[in-house]
């Protein structure tokens, strides 16, 4: 009996089998590559943390080794990751940041000295405008403007700000040119994500220690 390849039944059966085979192959490839993808994501997170500590330009193996050297403990505090680090003999606390920019999520890490000033900063984004909002990630010079800024006021509130016009150089960073809304997102993210970090202190064994876990980090117009 000769198959009628033009019949609806044949076309439906053939299409169904083809879809199943393709789906199986895609699932197999995804599972085969997932360990490598997860490792790449974890390495990227480690590099971002090192960037906030002003450690840049390392390849994969060098970044892995440096991360193990400087990051002494990772804590999960109410869903926020913080990292106790030692850099050149100095205790530094790195806090993870997560917020919203103009077009999507923004994230980053803020490294904090024991006196409550910024040791270093790194910011990332999902979909901000190239050449404008994307500069929060692409401009190392802009990130370095945060270094040395005072984060907390006498009452413990976050006074570090991103503004259009700097009036207090000790606590303010000028926004990215042409990217006011993304800069506003960075400002809001800093204030929200750093408001509880002061209570931890650098190297301090806080009440949040019971929730801490020493595990690998997880992978954040105008």
N, C-alpha and C. Protein backbone atom coordinates (compact mmCIF):
# COMPACT_ATOMS: atom_id res chain seq x y z
N UNK A 1 0.85 -1.19 0.00
CA UNK A 1 0.00 0.00 0.00
C UNK A 1 0.89 1.25 0.00
N UNK A 2 0.67 2.08 -0.96
CA UNK A 2 1.49 3.28 -1.10
C UNK A 2 0.93 4.40 -0.24
N UNK A 3 1.86 5.04 0.53
CA UNK A 3 1.42 6.14 1.38
C UNK A 3 1.08 7.36 0.53
N UNK A 4 0.00 8.00 0.92
CA UNK A 4 -0.40 9.23 0.25
C UNK A 4 0.22 10.39 1.02
N UNK A 5 1.38 10.82 0.52
CA UNK A 5 2.13 11.87 1.24
C UNK A 5 1.45 13.23 1.18
N UNK A 6 0.41 13.32 0.38
CA UNK A 6 -0.31 14.58 0.28
C UNK A 6 -1.54 14.64 1.18
N UNK A 7 -1.80 13.53 1.87
CA UNK A 7 -3.00 13.48 2.70
C UNK A 7 -2.79 14.26 3.99
N UNK A 8 -3.87 14.75 4.56
CA UNK A 8 -3.80 15.48 5.83
C UNK A 8 -3.29 14.61 6.96
N UNK A 9 -3.69 13.34 6.94
CA UNK A 9 -3.27 12.41 8.00
C UNK A 9 -1.75 12.24 7.99
N UNK A 10 -1.19 12.06 6.81
CA UNK A 10 0.26 11.88 6.69
C UNK A 10 0.99 13.13 7.16
N UNK A 11 0.51 14.27 6.72
CA UNK A 11 1.16 15.54 7.08
C UNK A 11 1.14 15.75 8.58
N UNK A 12 -0.01 15.45 9.22
CA UNK A 12 -0.13 15.63 10.67
C UNK A 12 0.81 14.70 11.42
N UNK A 13 0.83 13.41 11.01
CA UNK A 13 1.69 12.42 11.67
C UNK A 13 3.16 12.78 11.49
N UNK A 14 3.52 13.15 10.25
CA UNK A 14 4.91 13.51 9.96
C UNK A 14 5.35 14.73 10.77
N UNK A 15 4.49 15.73 10.82
CA UNK A 15 4.81 16.96 11.56
C UNK A 15 4.95 16.69 13.05
N UNK A 16 4.06 15.82 13.56
CA UNK A 16 4.11 15.49 14.99
C UNK A 16 5.41 14.78 15.35
N UNK A 17 5.80 13.81 14.53
CA UNK A 17 7.04 13.07 14.78
C UNK A 17 8.24 14.01 14.69
N UNK A 18 8.23 14.91 13.70
CA UNK A 18 9.33 15.84 13.53
C UNK A 18 9.47 16.77 14.73
N UNK A 19 8.33 17.26 15.23
CA UNK A 19 8.35 18.15 16.39
C UNK A 19 8.89 17.42 17.61
N UNK A 20 8.48 16.17 17.80
CA UNK A 20 8.93 15.39 18.95
C UNK A 20 10.43 15.15 18.88
N UNK A 21 10.94 14.82 17.70
CA UNK A 21 12.37 14.55 17.53
C UNK A 21 13.19 15.81 17.80
N UNK A 22 12.73 16.94 17.23
CA UNK A 22 13.45 18.20 17.42
C UNK A 22 13.43 18.62 18.89
N UNK A 23 12.28 18.46 19.54
CA UNK A 23 12.16 18.82 20.96
C UNK A 23 13.10 17.96 21.80
N UNK A 24 13.17 16.66 21.47
CA UNK A 24 14.05 15.75 22.21
C UNK A 24 15.51 16.17 22.03
N UNK A 25 15.89 16.49 20.79
CA UNK A 25 17.27 16.89 20.52
C UNK A 25 17.63 18.20 21.25
N UNK A 26 16.70 19.16 21.24
CA UNK A 26 16.95 20.43 21.92
C UNK A 26 17.09 20.22 23.42
N UNK A 27 16.22 19.37 24.00
CA UNK A 27 16.30 19.08 25.43
C UNK A 27 17.61 18.39 25.78
N UNK A 28 18.04 17.49 24.91
CA UNK A 28 19.30 16.77 25.14
C UNK A 28 20.48 17.74 25.10
N UNK A 29 20.49 18.63 24.10
CA UNK A 29 21.58 19.60 23.97
C UNK A 29 21.59 20.55 25.16
N UNK A 30 20.39 20.98 25.59
CA UNK A 30 20.30 21.89 26.73
C UNK A 30 20.88 21.24 27.98
N UNK A 31 20.50 20.00 28.23
CA UNK A 31 21.00 19.31 29.41
C UNK A 31 22.50 19.06 29.33
N UNK A 32 23.00 18.78 28.12
CA UNK A 32 24.43 18.52 27.95
C UNK A 32 25.25 19.79 28.18
N UNK A 33 24.70 20.94 27.79
CA UNK A 33 25.44 22.19 27.92
C UNK A 33 25.19 22.91 29.24
N UNK A 34 24.17 22.50 29.99
CA UNK A 34 23.79 23.23 31.21
C UNK A 34 24.93 23.35 32.22
N UNK A 35 25.69 22.27 32.50
CA UNK A 35 26.80 22.43 33.47
C UNK A 35 27.79 23.51 33.04
N UNK A 36 28.10 23.56 31.74
CA UNK A 36 29.02 24.58 31.24
C UNK A 36 28.41 25.97 31.36
N UNK A 37 27.11 26.09 31.05
CA UNK A 37 26.43 27.37 31.15
C UNK A 37 26.40 27.85 32.59
N UNK A 38 26.09 26.93 33.52
CA UNK A 38 26.05 27.29 34.94
C UNK A 38 27.42 27.74 35.43
N UNK A 39 28.46 27.06 34.96
CA UNK A 39 29.82 27.42 35.37
C UNK A 39 30.19 28.81 34.84
N UNK A 40 29.77 29.11 33.61
CA UNK A 40 30.06 30.42 33.03
C UNK A 40 29.32 31.53 33.78
N UNK A 41 28.07 31.26 34.17
CA UNK A 41 27.29 32.24 34.93
C UNK A 41 27.94 32.50 36.28
N UNK A 42 28.34 31.42 36.96
CA UNK A 42 28.98 31.56 38.28
C UNK A 42 30.29 32.33 38.16
N UNK A 43 31.07 32.06 37.10
CA UNK A 43 32.33 32.78 36.90
C UNK A 43 32.06 34.25 36.64
N UNK A 44 31.01 34.57 35.88
CA UNK A 44 30.68 35.96 35.60
C UNK A 44 30.32 36.70 36.89
N UNK A 45 29.59 36.05 37.77
CA UNK A 45 29.24 36.66 39.05
C UNK A 45 30.50 36.94 39.87
N UNK A 46 31.41 35.98 39.89
CA UNK A 46 32.65 36.16 40.63
C UNK A 46 33.45 37.33 40.08
N UNK A 47 33.49 37.45 38.75
CA UNK A 47 34.22 38.56 38.14
C UNK A 47 33.58 39.89 38.50
N UNK A 48 32.25 39.94 38.53
CA UNK A 48 31.57 41.18 38.90
C UNK A 48 31.90 41.59 40.33
N UNK A 49 31.94 40.61 41.22
CA UNK A 49 32.30 40.89 42.61
C UNK A 49 33.74 41.42 42.68
N UNK A 50 34.63 40.80 41.92
CA UNK A 50 36.02 41.27 41.87
C UNK A 50 36.11 42.67 41.28
N UNK A 51 35.28 42.96 40.26
CA UNK A 51 35.27 44.31 39.68
C UNK A 51 34.93 45.35 40.75
N UNK A 52 33.97 45.00 41.61
CA UNK A 52 33.58 45.95 42.67
C UNK A 52 34.71 46.16 43.66
N UNK A 53 35.64 45.22 43.70
CA UNK A 53 36.82 45.33 44.56
C UNK A 53 38.01 45.92 43.80
N UNK A 54 37.70 46.49 42.62
CA UNK A 54 38.73 47.12 41.77
C UNK A 54 39.78 46.12 41.30
N UNK A 55 39.34 44.89 41.12
CA UNK A 55 40.22 43.84 40.59
C UNK A 55 39.67 43.44 39.22
N UNK A 56 40.35 43.85 38.17
CA UNK A 56 39.85 43.64 36.81
C UNK A 56 40.94 43.04 35.92
N UNK A 57 40.53 42.67 34.72
CA UNK A 57 41.49 42.20 33.72
C UNK A 57 42.01 40.80 33.93
N UNK A 58 41.29 39.98 34.70
CA UNK A 58 41.72 38.60 34.93
C UNK A 58 40.99 37.64 34.00
N UNK A 59 41.69 36.61 33.56
CA UNK A 59 41.01 35.58 32.78
C UNK A 59 40.27 34.64 33.72
N UNK A 60 39.63 33.61 33.16
CA UNK A 60 38.79 32.74 33.98
C UNK A 60 39.51 32.09 35.14
N UNK A 61 40.64 31.46 34.87
CA UNK A 61 41.39 30.76 35.92
C UNK A 61 41.92 31.73 36.97
N UNK A 62 42.41 32.89 36.51
CA UNK A 62 42.92 33.89 37.44
C UNK A 62 41.81 34.45 38.33
N UNK A 63 40.62 34.65 37.73
CA UNK A 63 39.49 35.18 38.50
C UNK A 63 39.04 34.17 39.55
N UNK A 64 39.00 32.90 39.18
CA UNK A 64 38.62 31.85 40.13
C UNK A 64 39.57 31.84 41.32
N UNK A 65 40.86 31.90 41.04
CA UNK A 65 41.87 31.86 42.10
C UNK A 65 41.79 33.11 42.98
N UNK A 66 41.61 34.27 42.35
CA UNK A 66 41.56 35.52 43.11
C UNK A 66 40.31 35.57 43.97
N UNK A 67 39.20 35.08 43.44
CA UNK A 67 37.95 35.06 44.21
C UNK A 67 38.13 34.21 45.47
N UNK A 68 38.72 33.05 45.33
CA UNK A 68 38.94 32.18 46.49
C UNK A 68 39.89 32.84 47.51
N UNK A 69 40.79 33.66 47.00
CA UNK A 69 41.75 34.32 47.88
C UNK A 69 41.10 35.44 48.70
N UNK A 70 40.25 36.24 48.06
CA UNK A 70 39.76 37.45 48.74
C UNK A 70 38.39 37.29 49.40
N UNK A 71 37.54 36.41 48.88
CA UNK A 71 36.19 36.24 49.45
C UNK A 71 36.25 35.17 50.53
N UNK A 72 36.00 35.59 51.77
CA UNK A 72 36.14 34.69 52.91
C UNK A 72 34.82 34.03 53.30
N UNK A 73 33.71 34.73 53.09
CA UNK A 73 32.41 34.17 53.46
C UNK A 73 31.31 34.84 52.67
N UNK A 74 30.32 34.05 52.30
CA UNK A 74 29.13 34.58 51.63
C UNK A 74 27.93 34.40 52.56
N UNK A 75 27.11 35.45 52.65
CA UNK A 75 25.92 35.39 53.48
C UNK A 75 24.68 35.72 52.66
N UNK A 76 23.58 35.11 53.04
CA UNK A 76 22.29 35.44 52.45
C UNK A 76 21.47 36.11 53.54
N UNK A 77 21.26 37.41 53.41
CA UNK A 77 20.54 38.19 54.42
C UNK A 77 19.22 38.65 53.83
N UNK A 78 18.16 37.99 54.22
CA UNK A 78 16.82 38.33 53.71
C UNK A 78 16.80 38.36 52.19
N UNK A 79 17.46 37.39 51.56
CA UNK A 79 17.46 37.29 50.11
C UNK A 79 18.54 38.11 49.43
N UNK A 80 19.30 38.88 50.18
CA UNK A 80 20.37 39.69 49.61
C UNK A 80 21.71 39.05 49.91
N UNK A 81 22.53 38.94 48.89
CA UNK A 81 23.85 38.36 49.06
C UNK A 81 24.85 39.41 49.52
N UNK A 82 25.61 39.08 50.54
CA UNK A 82 26.72 39.92 50.98
C UNK A 82 27.96 39.04 51.13
N UNK A 83 29.11 39.61 50.87
CA UNK A 83 30.35 38.85 50.84
C UNK A 83 31.39 39.52 51.73
N UNK A 84 31.92 38.78 52.68
CA UNK A 84 32.99 39.29 53.54
C UNK A 84 34.31 39.00 52.84
N UNK A 85 35.06 40.06 52.57
CA UNK A 85 36.29 39.94 51.79
C UNK A 85 37.47 40.56 52.53
N UNK A 86 38.64 40.14 52.15
CA UNK A 86 39.88 40.75 52.63
C UNK A 86 40.74 41.05 51.41
N UNK A 87 41.03 42.33 51.20
CA UNK A 87 41.83 42.76 50.06
C UNK A 87 43.04 43.53 50.57
N UNK A 88 44.22 43.02 50.25
CA UNK A 88 45.46 43.66 50.72
C UNK A 88 45.43 43.89 52.23
N UNK A 89 44.94 42.90 52.96
CA UNK A 89 44.90 42.98 54.42
C UNK A 89 43.77 43.81 54.98
N UNK A 90 42.90 44.33 54.13
CA UNK A 90 41.81 45.20 54.57
C UNK A 90 40.47 44.48 54.46
N UNK A 91 39.65 44.58 55.51
CA UNK A 91 38.32 44.00 55.48
C UNK A 91 37.39 44.85 54.64
N UNK A 92 36.70 44.22 53.71
CA UNK A 92 35.75 44.92 52.84
C UNK A 92 34.49 44.07 52.73
N UNK A 93 33.34 44.70 52.84
CA UNK A 93 32.06 44.01 52.69
C UNK A 93 31.47 44.35 51.33
N UNK A 94 31.14 43.33 50.53
CA UNK A 94 30.52 43.55 49.23
C UNK A 94 29.05 43.20 49.31
N UNK A 95 28.19 44.13 48.94
CA UNK A 95 26.74 43.92 48.97
C UNK A 95 26.21 43.82 47.54
N UNK A 96 25.35 42.86 47.31
CA UNK A 96 24.72 42.73 45.99
C UNK A 96 23.62 43.78 45.85
N UNK A 97 23.41 44.25 44.64
CA UNK A 97 22.41 45.27 44.35
C UNK A 97 21.48 44.77 43.24
N UNK A 98 20.21 45.12 43.35
CA UNK A 98 19.25 44.72 42.32
C UNK A 98 18.13 45.75 42.25
N UNK A 99 17.83 46.21 41.03
CA UNK A 99 16.79 47.21 40.88
C UNK A 99 16.26 47.24 39.46
N UNK A 100 15.63 48.37 39.08
CA UNK A 100 15.05 48.53 37.75
C UNK A 100 15.59 49.80 37.09
N UNK A 101 15.97 49.66 35.83
CA UNK A 101 16.40 50.80 35.05
C UNK A 101 15.24 51.31 34.20
N UNK A 102 15.55 51.87 33.06
CA UNK A 102 14.49 52.38 32.19
C UNK A 102 13.79 51.25 31.43
N UNK A 103 14.59 50.33 30.88
CA UNK A 103 14.03 49.28 30.01
C UNK A 103 14.02 47.90 30.65
N UNK A 104 14.63 47.74 31.79
CA UNK A 104 14.67 46.41 32.39
C UNK A 104 15.46 46.41 33.68
N UNK A 105 15.82 45.22 34.13
CA UNK A 105 16.52 45.09 35.40
C UNK A 105 17.94 45.63 35.35
N UNK A 106 18.38 46.17 36.47
CA UNK A 106 19.77 46.57 36.66
C UNK A 106 20.26 45.89 37.93
N UNK A 107 21.56 45.75 38.05
CA UNK A 107 22.12 45.05 39.21
C UNK A 107 23.55 45.53 39.42
N UNK A 108 24.22 44.94 40.39
CA UNK A 108 25.60 45.30 40.63
C UNK A 108 26.08 44.88 42.00
N UNK A 109 27.25 45.38 42.35
CA UNK A 109 27.85 45.09 43.65
C UNK A 109 28.53 46.35 44.16
N UNK A 110 28.38 46.60 45.46
CA UNK A 110 29.01 47.75 46.11
C UNK A 110 29.94 47.24 47.20
N UNK A 111 31.22 47.59 47.09
CA UNK A 111 32.20 47.20 48.10
C UNK A 111 32.34 48.32 49.12
N UNK A 112 32.26 47.97 50.40
CA UNK A 112 32.16 48.97 51.46
C UNK A 112 33.33 48.84 52.45
N UNK A 113 33.99 49.96 52.69
CA UNK A 113 35.05 49.99 53.70
C UNK A 113 34.45 49.91 55.10
N UNK A 114 35.32 49.65 56.08
CA UNK A 114 34.88 49.58 57.46
C UNK A 114 34.34 50.89 57.99
N UNK A 115 34.74 52.03 57.38
CA UNK A 115 34.26 53.33 57.83
C UNK A 115 32.98 53.76 57.12
N UNK A 116 32.41 52.85 56.33
CA UNK A 116 31.15 53.17 55.66
C UNK A 116 31.29 53.95 54.37
N UNK A 117 32.49 54.00 53.82
CA UNK A 117 32.68 54.64 52.52
C UNK A 117 32.81 53.57 51.44
N UNK A 118 32.68 54.01 50.19
CA UNK A 118 32.72 53.07 49.07
C UNK A 118 34.15 52.68 48.74
N UNK A 119 34.42 51.38 48.74
CA UNK A 119 35.72 50.86 48.32
C UNK A 119 35.76 50.73 46.80
N UNK A 120 34.63 50.31 46.24
CA UNK A 120 34.54 50.15 44.79
C UNK A 120 33.12 49.79 44.41
N UNK A 121 32.79 49.89 43.12
CA UNK A 121 31.44 49.61 42.66
C UNK A 121 31.45 49.04 41.25
N UNK A 122 30.47 48.21 40.98
CA UNK A 122 30.27 47.69 39.63
C UNK A 122 28.77 47.58 39.38
N UNK A 123 28.34 48.01 38.19
CA UNK A 123 26.92 47.95 37.84
C UNK A 123 26.73 47.21 36.53
N UNK A 124 25.57 46.56 36.42
CA UNK A 124 25.23 45.78 35.23
C UNK A 124 23.80 46.11 34.82
N UNK A 125 23.40 45.70 33.64
CA UNK A 125 22.03 45.96 33.18
C UNK A 125 21.58 44.88 32.21
N UNK A 126 20.28 44.80 31.98
CA UNK A 126 19.74 43.83 31.05
C UNK A 126 19.50 44.43 29.67
N UNK A 127 19.02 45.67 29.62
CA UNK A 127 18.60 46.20 28.32
C UNK A 127 18.59 47.72 28.23
N UNK A 128 19.52 48.38 28.93
CA UNK A 128 19.55 49.84 28.85
C UNK A 128 20.15 50.28 27.50
N UNK A 129 19.90 51.51 27.12
CA UNK A 129 20.27 52.02 25.81
C UNK A 129 21.79 52.13 25.65
N UNK A 130 22.31 51.53 24.55
CA UNK A 130 23.74 51.60 24.28
C UNK A 130 24.19 53.05 24.15
N UNK A 131 25.30 53.37 24.80
CA UNK A 131 25.84 54.71 24.74
C UNK A 131 25.19 55.68 25.71
N UNK A 132 24.09 55.26 26.35
CA UNK A 132 23.41 56.11 27.33
C UNK A 132 23.32 55.34 28.65
N UNK A 133 22.15 54.74 28.92
CA UNK A 133 21.98 54.01 30.17
C UNK A 133 22.96 52.86 30.33
N UNK A 134 23.38 52.27 29.20
CA UNK A 134 24.32 51.14 29.27
C UNK A 134 25.67 51.55 29.84
N UNK A 135 25.92 52.86 29.93
CA UNK A 135 27.19 53.34 30.46
C UNK A 135 27.37 53.00 31.94
N UNK A 136 26.27 52.68 32.64
CA UNK A 136 26.44 52.27 34.04
C UNK A 136 27.30 51.02 34.12
N UNK A 137 27.27 50.21 33.07
CA UNK A 137 28.12 49.01 32.99
C UNK A 137 29.41 49.26 32.22
N UNK A 138 29.28 49.97 31.11
CA UNK A 138 30.39 50.08 30.17
C UNK A 138 31.45 51.10 30.58
N UNK A 139 31.08 52.06 31.42
CA UNK A 139 32.02 53.11 31.80
C UNK A 139 32.66 52.82 33.15
N UNK A 140 33.89 52.31 33.11
CA UNK A 140 34.61 52.08 34.35
C UNK A 140 34.89 53.40 35.05
N UNK A 141 35.11 54.45 34.26
CA UNK A 141 35.38 55.77 34.83
C UNK A 141 34.20 56.25 35.66
N UNK A 142 32.96 55.98 35.20
CA UNK A 142 31.79 56.40 35.97
C UNK A 142 31.67 55.58 37.25
N UNK A 143 31.92 54.28 37.16
CA UNK A 143 31.86 53.44 38.36
C UNK A 143 32.89 53.90 39.40
N UNK A 144 34.04 54.34 38.93
CA UNK A 144 35.10 54.75 39.85
C UNK A 144 34.77 56.06 40.57
N UNK A 145 33.79 56.80 40.08
CA UNK A 145 33.38 58.02 40.77
C UNK A 145 32.80 57.75 42.14
N UNK A 146 32.36 56.51 42.37
CA UNK A 146 31.77 56.16 43.66
C UNK A 146 32.83 55.94 44.74
N UNK A 147 34.04 55.64 44.34
CA UNK A 147 35.10 55.30 45.30
C UNK A 147 35.33 56.45 46.28
N UNK A 148 35.31 56.12 47.56
CA UNK A 148 35.56 57.11 48.61
C UNK A 148 34.33 57.87 49.07
N UNK A 149 33.20 57.71 48.38
CA UNK A 149 31.99 58.43 48.78
C UNK A 149 31.43 57.86 50.09
N UNK A 150 30.86 58.73 50.88
CA UNK A 150 30.24 58.33 52.14
C UNK A 150 28.86 57.72 51.86
N UNK A 151 28.59 56.58 52.46
CA UNK A 151 27.34 55.87 52.18
C UNK A 151 26.25 56.21 53.19
N UNK A 152 26.60 56.32 54.47
CA UNK A 152 25.60 56.46 55.52
C UNK A 152 25.72 57.79 56.27
N UNK A 153 24.57 58.34 56.63
CA UNK A 153 24.54 59.54 57.44
C UNK A 153 24.64 59.19 58.92
N UNK A 154 24.65 60.20 59.77
CA UNK A 154 24.77 59.98 61.21
C UNK A 154 23.60 59.19 61.77
N UNK A 155 22.44 59.27 61.11
CA UNK A 155 21.27 58.53 61.59
C UNK A 155 21.17 57.13 61.00
N UNK A 156 22.18 56.73 60.21
CA UNK A 156 22.20 55.39 59.63
C UNK A 156 21.52 55.29 58.28
N UNK A 157 20.91 56.37 57.82
CA UNK A 157 20.24 56.33 56.52
C UNK A 157 21.27 56.40 55.40
N UNK A 158 20.87 55.91 54.22
CA UNK A 158 21.77 55.94 53.07
C UNK A 158 21.76 57.33 52.46
N UNK A 159 22.92 57.99 52.46
CA UNK A 159 23.02 59.33 51.90
C UNK A 159 23.74 59.34 50.55
N UNK A 160 24.33 58.21 50.18
CA UNK A 160 24.98 58.10 48.88
C UNK A 160 23.91 58.25 47.80
N UNK A 161 24.14 59.16 46.85
CA UNK A 161 23.12 59.46 45.85
C UNK A 161 23.73 59.65 44.46
N UNK A 162 22.90 59.38 43.45
CA UNK A 162 23.24 59.70 42.07
C UNK A 162 22.33 60.84 41.66
N UNK A 163 22.90 61.98 41.31
CA UNK A 163 22.12 63.19 41.09
C UNK A 163 22.51 63.87 39.77
N UNK A 164 21.66 64.78 39.30
CA UNK A 164 21.94 65.52 38.07
C UNK A 164 22.96 66.64 38.31
N UNK A 165 22.94 67.18 39.53
CA UNK A 165 23.90 68.24 39.85
C UNK A 165 24.48 67.99 41.23
N UNK A 166 25.77 67.75 41.28
CA UNK A 166 26.44 67.44 42.54
C UNK A 166 26.56 68.70 43.40
N UNK A 167 26.02 68.63 44.61
CA UNK A 167 26.14 69.72 45.57
C UNK A 167 26.96 69.31 46.78
N UNK A 168 27.01 68.00 47.03
CA UNK A 168 27.81 67.47 48.14
C UNK A 168 28.74 66.40 47.59
N UNK A 169 29.96 66.76 47.22
CA UNK A 169 30.91 65.81 46.62
C UNK A 169 31.23 64.62 47.52
N UNK A 170 30.98 64.75 48.81
CA UNK A 170 31.30 63.66 49.74
C UNK A 170 30.32 62.50 49.62
N UNK A 171 29.08 62.79 49.16
CA UNK A 171 28.04 61.76 49.15
C UNK A 171 27.36 61.59 47.79
N UNK A 172 27.66 62.46 46.82
CA UNK A 172 26.91 62.45 45.57
C UNK A 172 27.79 62.17 44.36
N UNK A 173 27.20 61.44 43.40
CA UNK A 173 27.84 61.15 42.11
C UNK A 173 26.94 61.68 41.02
N UNK A 174 27.53 62.37 40.03
CA UNK A 174 26.70 62.91 38.96
C UNK A 174 26.20 61.79 38.06
N UNK A 175 24.99 61.93 37.57
CA UNK A 175 24.35 60.88 36.78
C UNK A 175 25.05 60.73 35.43
N UNK A 176 24.77 59.61 34.76
CA UNK A 176 25.32 59.38 33.43
C UNK A 176 24.69 60.38 32.47
N UNK A 177 25.50 61.03 31.68
CA UNK A 177 25.00 62.03 30.74
C UNK A 177 23.98 61.43 29.77
N UNK A 178 22.80 62.06 29.69
CA UNK A 178 21.75 61.60 28.79
C UNK A 178 21.01 60.39 29.27
N UNK A 179 21.26 59.96 30.49
CA UNK A 179 20.62 58.74 31.00
C UNK A 179 20.05 59.00 32.40
N UNK A 180 19.21 60.01 32.50
CA UNK A 180 18.67 60.40 33.79
C UNK A 180 17.83 59.29 34.42
N UNK A 181 16.98 58.65 33.64
CA UNK A 181 16.09 57.65 34.20
C UNK A 181 16.84 56.41 34.66
N UNK A 182 17.83 55.97 33.89
CA UNK A 182 18.65 54.84 34.33
C UNK A 182 19.42 55.22 35.60
N UNK A 183 19.95 56.44 35.62
CA UNK A 183 20.69 56.91 36.80
C UNK A 183 19.78 56.97 38.02
N UNK A 184 18.53 57.39 37.82
CA UNK A 184 17.57 57.39 38.92
C UNK A 184 17.35 55.97 39.44
N UNK A 185 17.36 55.00 38.51
CA UNK A 185 17.20 53.60 38.92
C UNK A 185 18.38 53.13 39.76
N UNK A 186 19.59 53.55 39.38
CA UNK A 186 20.77 53.21 40.17
C UNK A 186 20.68 53.83 41.55
N UNK A 187 20.24 55.09 41.62
CA UNK A 187 20.10 55.78 42.90
C UNK A 187 19.12 55.05 43.81
N UNK A 188 17.95 54.69 43.26
CA UNK A 188 16.94 53.98 44.05
C UNK A 188 17.44 52.61 44.48
N UNK A 189 18.16 51.92 43.60
CA UNK A 189 18.70 50.60 43.91
C UNK A 189 19.70 50.68 45.06
N UNK A 190 20.58 51.68 45.03
CA UNK A 190 21.57 51.84 46.10
C UNK A 190 20.88 52.08 47.44
N UNK A 191 19.92 52.98 47.45
CA UNK A 191 19.25 53.32 48.71
C UNK A 191 18.49 52.13 49.28
N UNK A 192 17.85 51.36 48.41
CA UNK A 192 17.05 50.22 48.88
C UNK A 192 17.94 49.07 49.35
N UNK A 193 19.00 48.78 48.59
CA UNK A 193 19.80 47.59 48.87
C UNK A 193 20.87 47.79 49.94
N UNK A 194 21.21 49.04 50.25
CA UNK A 194 22.25 49.28 51.25
C UNK A 194 21.71 49.71 52.61
N UNK A 195 20.38 49.87 52.70
CA UNK A 195 19.84 50.41 53.94
C UNK A 195 20.02 49.47 55.13
N UNK A 196 20.10 48.15 54.88
CA UNK A 196 20.25 47.22 56.00
C UNK A 196 21.67 46.69 56.15
N UNK A 197 22.53 47.00 55.20
CA UNK A 197 23.89 46.45 55.23
C UNK A 197 24.71 47.05 56.36
N UNK A 198 24.44 48.30 56.71
CA UNK A 198 25.21 48.97 57.76
C UNK A 198 25.16 48.20 59.07
N UNK A 199 24.04 47.52 59.32
CA UNK A 199 23.90 46.79 60.57
C UNK A 199 24.82 45.57 60.64
N UNK A 200 25.31 45.13 59.48
CA UNK A 200 26.19 43.97 59.47
C UNK A 200 27.61 44.33 59.88
N UNK A 201 28.05 45.49 59.43
CA UNK A 201 29.43 45.87 59.68
C UNK A 201 30.37 45.03 58.84
N UNK A 202 31.60 45.43 58.73
CA UNK A 202 32.59 44.67 57.98
C UNK A 202 33.22 43.62 58.86
N UNK A 203 33.02 42.36 58.49
CA UNK A 203 33.56 41.26 59.27
C UNK A 203 32.81 41.03 60.57
N UNK A 204 31.69 41.68 60.75
CA UNK A 204 30.94 41.54 62.01
C UNK A 204 30.06 40.30 61.97
N UNK A 205 30.00 39.56 63.06
CA UNK A 205 29.14 38.40 63.15
C UNK A 205 27.76 38.86 63.61
N UNK A 206 26.91 39.16 62.66
CA UNK A 206 25.61 39.76 62.98
C UNK A 206 24.58 38.70 63.32
N UNK A 207 23.39 39.17 63.69
CA UNK A 207 22.30 38.27 64.01
C UNK A 207 21.83 37.51 62.78
N UNK A 208 22.25 37.97 61.60
CA UNK A 208 21.85 37.30 60.36
C UNK A 208 22.73 36.09 60.08
N UNK A 209 23.76 35.86 60.90
CA UNK A 209 24.71 34.80 60.62
C UNK A 209 24.05 33.43 60.55
N UNK A 210 22.97 33.23 61.27
CA UNK A 210 22.31 31.94 61.27
C UNK A 210 21.79 31.58 59.89
N UNK A 211 21.56 32.61 59.05
CA UNK A 211 21.05 32.36 57.71
C UNK A 211 22.15 32.33 56.67
N UNK A 212 23.41 32.43 57.11
CA UNK A 212 24.50 32.51 56.16
C UNK A 212 24.84 31.15 55.60
N UNK A 213 25.32 31.15 54.35
CA UNK A 213 25.73 29.92 53.69
C UNK A 213 26.99 30.18 52.93
N UNK A 214 27.96 29.33 53.09
CA UNK A 214 29.22 29.46 52.35
C UNK A 214 29.13 28.60 51.10
N UNK A 215 28.49 29.12 50.07
CA UNK A 215 28.29 28.39 48.83
C UNK A 215 28.77 29.23 47.66
N UNK A 216 28.81 28.60 46.48
CA UNK A 216 29.18 29.32 45.28
C UNK A 216 28.12 30.39 44.97
N UNK A 217 28.50 31.57 44.49
CA UNK A 217 27.53 32.61 44.17
C UNK A 217 26.65 32.21 43.01
N UNK A 218 25.36 32.71 42.95
CA UNK A 218 24.43 32.38 41.89
C UNK A 218 24.25 33.58 40.93
N UNK A 219 24.27 33.07 39.76
CA UNK A 219 24.07 34.06 38.77
C UNK A 219 22.64 34.68 38.63
N UNK A 220 23.06 40.06 36.76
CA UNK A 220 21.77 40.44 38.19
C UNK A 220 21.67 39.85 36.19
N UNK A 221 14.51 56.90 25.80
CA UNK A 221 15.19 56.94 27.16
C UNK A 221 15.30 58.31 27.54
N UNK A 222 16.15 57.86 27.47
CA UNK A 222 16.83 58.52 28.50
C UNK A 222 17.01 59.94 28.05
